[in-house]
C-alpha atoms as a PDB file:
ATOM      1  CA  MET A   1      44.111 108.517 120.828  1.00  0.00           C
ATOM      2  CA  GLU A   2      43.140 105.870 118.293  1.00  0.00           C
ATOM      3  CA  GLU A   3      46.436 106.233 116.447  1.00  0.00           C
ATOM      4  CA  THR A   4      48.386 105.914 119.714  1.00  0.00           C
ATOM      5  CA  LEU A   5      46.568 102.707 120.619  1.00  0.00           C
ATOM      6  CA  ARG A   6      47.071 101.253 117.141  1.00  0.00           C
ATOM      7  CA  ARG A   7      50.793 102.096 117.396  1.00  0.00           C
ATOM      8  CA  TYR A   8      50.910 100.296 120.729  1.00  0.00           C
ATOM      9  CA  PHE A   9      49.323  97.130 119.332  1.00  0.00           C
ATOM     10  CA  GLN A  10      51.741  97.280 116.390  1.00  0.00           C
ATOM     11  CA  CYS A  11      54.687  97.312 118.832  1.00  0.00           C
ATOM     12  CA  TRP A  12      53.625  93.831 119.935  1.00  0.00           C
ATOM     13  CA  LEU A  13      53.234  92.579 116.376  1.00  0.00           C
ATOM     14  CA  ASP A  14      56.683  93.946 115.488  1.00  0.00           C
ATOM     15  CA  GLN A  15      58.243  92.953 118.845  1.00  0.00           C
ATOM     16  CA  ASP A  16      59.578  96.522 118.985  1.00  0.00           C
ATOM     17  CA  ASP A  17      59.646  98.412 122.289  1.00  0.00           C
ATOM     18  CA  GLY A  18      61.138 101.562 120.722  1.00  0.00           C
ATOM     19  CA  PRO A  19      57.891 103.557 120.471  1.00  0.00           C
ATOM     20  CA  LEU A  20      56.679 102.696 123.987  1.00  0.00           C
ATOM     21  CA  LYS A  21      58.413 105.707 125.568  1.00  0.00           C
ATOM     22  CA  ASP A  22      56.333 107.961 123.329  1.00  0.00           C
ATOM     23  CA  ILE A  23      53.108 106.027 123.945  1.00  0.00           C
ATOM     24  CA  PHE A  24      53.102 105.665 127.747  1.00  0.00           C
ATOM     25  CA  SER A  25      53.484 108.200 130.539  1.00  0.00           C
ATOM     26  CA  ASN A  26      56.334 107.562 132.977  1.00  0.00           C
ATOM     27  CA  ASP A  27      53.595 107.023 135.595  1.00  0.00           C
ATOM     28  CA  ILE A  28      51.602 104.461 133.573  1.00  0.00           C
ATOM     29  CA  VAL A  29      49.519 101.923 135.500  1.00  0.00           C
ATOM     30  CA  TYR A  30      48.864  98.929 133.243  1.00  0.00           C
ATOM     31  CA  SER A  31      46.466  96.173 134.336  1.00  0.00           C
ATOM     32  CA  GLU A  32      46.388  92.965 132.300  1.00  0.00           C
ATOM     33  CA  CYS A  33      43.113  91.096 131.900  1.00  0.00           C
ATOM     34  CA  TYR A  34      44.224  88.119 134.009  1.00  0.00           C
ATOM     35  CA  GLY A  35      45.654  89.975 137.011  1.00  0.00           C
ATOM     36  CA  PRO A  36      49.232  91.293 136.625  1.00  0.00           C
ATOM     37  CA  GLU A  37      49.677  95.029 137.041  1.00  0.00           C
ATOM     38  CA  TYR A  38      52.703  97.066 135.987  1.00  0.00           C
ATOM     39  CA  ARG A  39      53.433 100.418 137.601  1.00  0.00           C
ATOM     40  CA  GLY A  40      55.656 102.865 135.768  1.00  0.00           C
ATOM     41  CA  LEU A  41      57.234 102.848 132.336  1.00  0.00           C
ATOM     42  CA  ALA A  42      60.269 100.829 133.498  1.00  0.00           C
ATOM     43  CA  GLN A  43      58.053  97.906 134.570  1.00  0.00           C
ATOM     44  CA  VAL A  44      56.051  98.021 131.312  1.00  0.00           C
ATOM     45  CA  LEU A  45      59.295  97.931 129.292  1.00  0.00           C
ATOM     46  CA  GLN A  46      60.679  95.027 131.363  1.00  0.00           C
ATOM     47  CA  TRP A  47      57.427  93.040 130.958  1.00  0.00           C
ATOM     48  CA  PHE A  48      57.330  93.719 127.201  1.00  0.00           C
ATOM     49  CA  ARG A  49      60.919  92.515 126.746  1.00  0.00           C
ATOM     50  CA  ASP A  50      60.510  89.485 129.021  1.00  0.00           C
ATOM     51  CA  TRP A  51      57.261  88.386 127.353  1.00  0.00           C
ATOM     52  CA  ASN A  52      58.675  88.715 123.840  1.00  0.00           C
ATOM     53  CA  ARG A  53      61.648  86.474 124.675  1.00  0.00           C
ATOM     54  CA  THR A  54      59.350  83.427 124.783  1.00  0.00           C
ATOM     55  CA  GLY A  55      56.189  84.645 123.081  1.00  0.00           C
ATOM     56  CA  ARG A  56      54.932  86.205 119.892  1.00  0.00           C
ATOM     57  CA  VAL A  57      51.748  88.145 119.206  1.00  0.00           C
ATOM     58  CA  LEU A  58      50.265  86.747 116.003  1.00  0.00           C
ATOM     59  CA  ARG A  59      47.257  89.076 115.630  1.00  0.00           C
ATOM     60  CA  TRP A  60      45.861  92.097 117.383  1.00  0.00           C
ATOM     61  CA  ASP A  61      42.900  93.188 115.275  1.00  0.00           C
ATOM     62  CA  VAL A  62      41.062  96.382 116.205  1.00  0.00           C
ATOM     63  CA  LYS A  63      37.304  95.993 115.811  1.00  0.00           C
ATOM     64  CA  GLN A  64      36.243  99.452 116.973  1.00  0.00           C
ATOM     65  CA  VAL A  65      37.473 102.464 118.915  1.00  0.00           C
ATOM     66  CA  LEU A  66      35.324 104.813 120.984  1.00  0.00           C
ATOM     67  CA  ALA A  67      36.823 108.026 122.368  1.00  0.00           C
ATOM     68  CA  CYS A  68      35.451 110.658 124.699  1.00  0.00           C
ATOM     69  CA  GLY A  69      37.538 113.352 126.378  1.00  0.00           C
ATOM     70  CA  ARG A  70      40.786 111.762 127.528  1.00  0.00           C
ATOM     71  CA  THR A  71      39.400 108.216 127.534  1.00  0.00           C
ATOM     72  CA  ALA A  72      39.348 105.643 124.757  1.00  0.00           C
ATOM     73  CA  VAL A  73      37.828 102.168 124.576  1.00  0.00           C
ATOM     74  CA  VAL A  74      39.077  99.636 122.022  1.00  0.00           C
ATOM     75  CA  GLU A  75      37.382  96.340 121.167  1.00  0.00           C
ATOM     76  CA  TRP A  76      39.839  93.831 119.687  1.00  0.00           C
ATOM     77  CA  TYR A  77      40.739  90.248 118.831  1.00  0.00           C
ATOM     78  CA  PHE A  78      44.099  88.949 120.085  1.00  0.00           C
ATOM     79  CA  ALA A  79      46.050  85.797 119.173  1.00  0.00           C
ATOM     80  CA  CYS A  80      49.483  84.751 120.397  1.00  0.00           C
ATOM     81  CA  ASP A  81      51.955  81.944 120.817  1.00  0.00           C
ATOM     82  CA  ALA A  82      53.327  82.065 124.358  1.00  0.00           C
ATOM     83  CA  GLU A  83      55.890  79.478 125.364  1.00  0.00           C
ATOM     84  CA  GLY A  84      54.668  77.121 122.635  1.00  0.00           C
ATOM     85  CA  GLN A  85      50.982  77.459 123.552  1.00  0.00           C
ATOM     86  CA  ARG A  86      48.627  79.214 121.147  1.00  0.00           C
ATOM     87  CA  SER A  87      45.706  81.154 122.513  1.00  0.00           C
ATOM     88  CA  ALA A  88      43.223  83.683 121.232  1.00  0.00           C
ATOM     89  CA  PHE A  89      40.456  85.781 122.739  1.00  0.00           C
ATOM     90  CA  ASP A  90      38.344  88.867 122.282  1.00  0.00           C
ATOM     91  CA  GLY A  91      39.011  91.822 124.520  1.00  0.00           C
ATOM     92  CA  VAL A  92      38.544  95.439 125.416  1.00  0.00           C
ATOM     93  CA  THR A  93      41.092  98.049 126.428  1.00  0.00           C
ATOM     94  CA  LEU A  94      40.114 101.032 128.539  1.00  0.00           C
ATOM     95  CA  ALA A  95      42.802 103.716 128.218  1.00  0.00           C
ATOM     96  CA  GLU A  96      43.122 107.098 129.881  1.00  0.00           C
ATOM     97  CA  PHE A  97      45.440 109.745 128.440  1.00  0.00           C
ATOM     98  CA  ASP A  98      47.305 112.576 130.141  1.00  0.00           C
ATOM     99  CA  GLY A  99      47.305 116.156 128.867  1.00  0.00           C
ATOM    100  CA  GLY A 100      50.309 115.415 126.634  1.00  0.00           C
ATOM    101  CA  GLY A 101      48.575 112.588 124.773  1.00  0.00           C
ATOM    102  CA  LYS A 102      50.370 109.708 126.514  1.00  0.00           C
ATOM    103  CA  ILE A 103      48.577 106.776 128.118  1.00  0.00           C
ATOM    104  CA  ILE A 104      48.522 107.137 131.914  1.00  0.00           C
ATOM    105  CA  SER A 105      46.196 104.192 132.682  1.00  0.00           C
ATOM    106  CA  LEU A 106      45.419 101.084 130.646  1.00  0.00           C
ATOM    107  CA  LYS A 107      43.107  98.255 131.696  1.00  0.00           C
ATOM    108  CA  GLU A 108      42.453  95.121 129.629  1.00  0.00           C
ATOM    109  CA  PHE A 109      39.391  92.895 129.810  1.00  0.00           C
ATOM    110  CA  GLN A 110      39.068  89.472 128.155  1.00  0.00           C
ATOM    111  CA  SER A 111      36.222  87.442 126.651  1.00  0.00           C
ATOM    112  CA  LYS A 112      36.245  84.020 125.056  1.00  0.00           C
ATOM    113  CA  ALA A 113      36.555  84.243 121.274  1.00  0.00           C
ATOM    114  CA  GLU A 114      34.203  81.305 120.675  1.00  0.00           C
ATOM    115  CA  HIS A 115      30.634  82.206 121.469  1.00  0.00           C
ATOM    116  CA  CYS A 116      27.638  79.902 121.671  1.00  0.00           C
ATOM    117  CA  CYS A 117      23.940  80.626 121.378  1.00  0.00           C
ATOM    118  CA  PRO A 118      22.199  78.433 123.987  1.00  0.00           C
ATOM    119  CA  TYR A 119      18.756  79.605 122.825  1.00  0.00           C
ATOM    120  CA  GLY A 120      19.471  79.544 119.090  1.00  0.00           C
ATOM    121  CA  ARG A 121      20.456  82.315 116.721  1.00  0.00           C
ATOM    122  CA  GLY A 122      16.964  83.872 116.803  1.00  0.00           C
END
């Protein structure tokens, strides 16, 4: 599972959709952290291609991976340039795999990358 998720992140860094058919189930449901949801491999491929026409992922650093059964959780740092605007944030992916090792459900959650300590660093 970890290797599959790392391959997926690398697809974005390489702007290469070739491996996606081996990574995702045809019935994938993919929920982005800010609302859009893609249903089925065809929609995921269209989104990937459309996004990469005007954007570029600059970093997608894996901090840790936790796996249990057919579920994996990945904590990561993401940075991109989308339509001339740079942004970066921390995030978590929750991925469920089918019996063949392909991702059937993927949900992303976002957190601000800059953290403050309102009560001091303790």
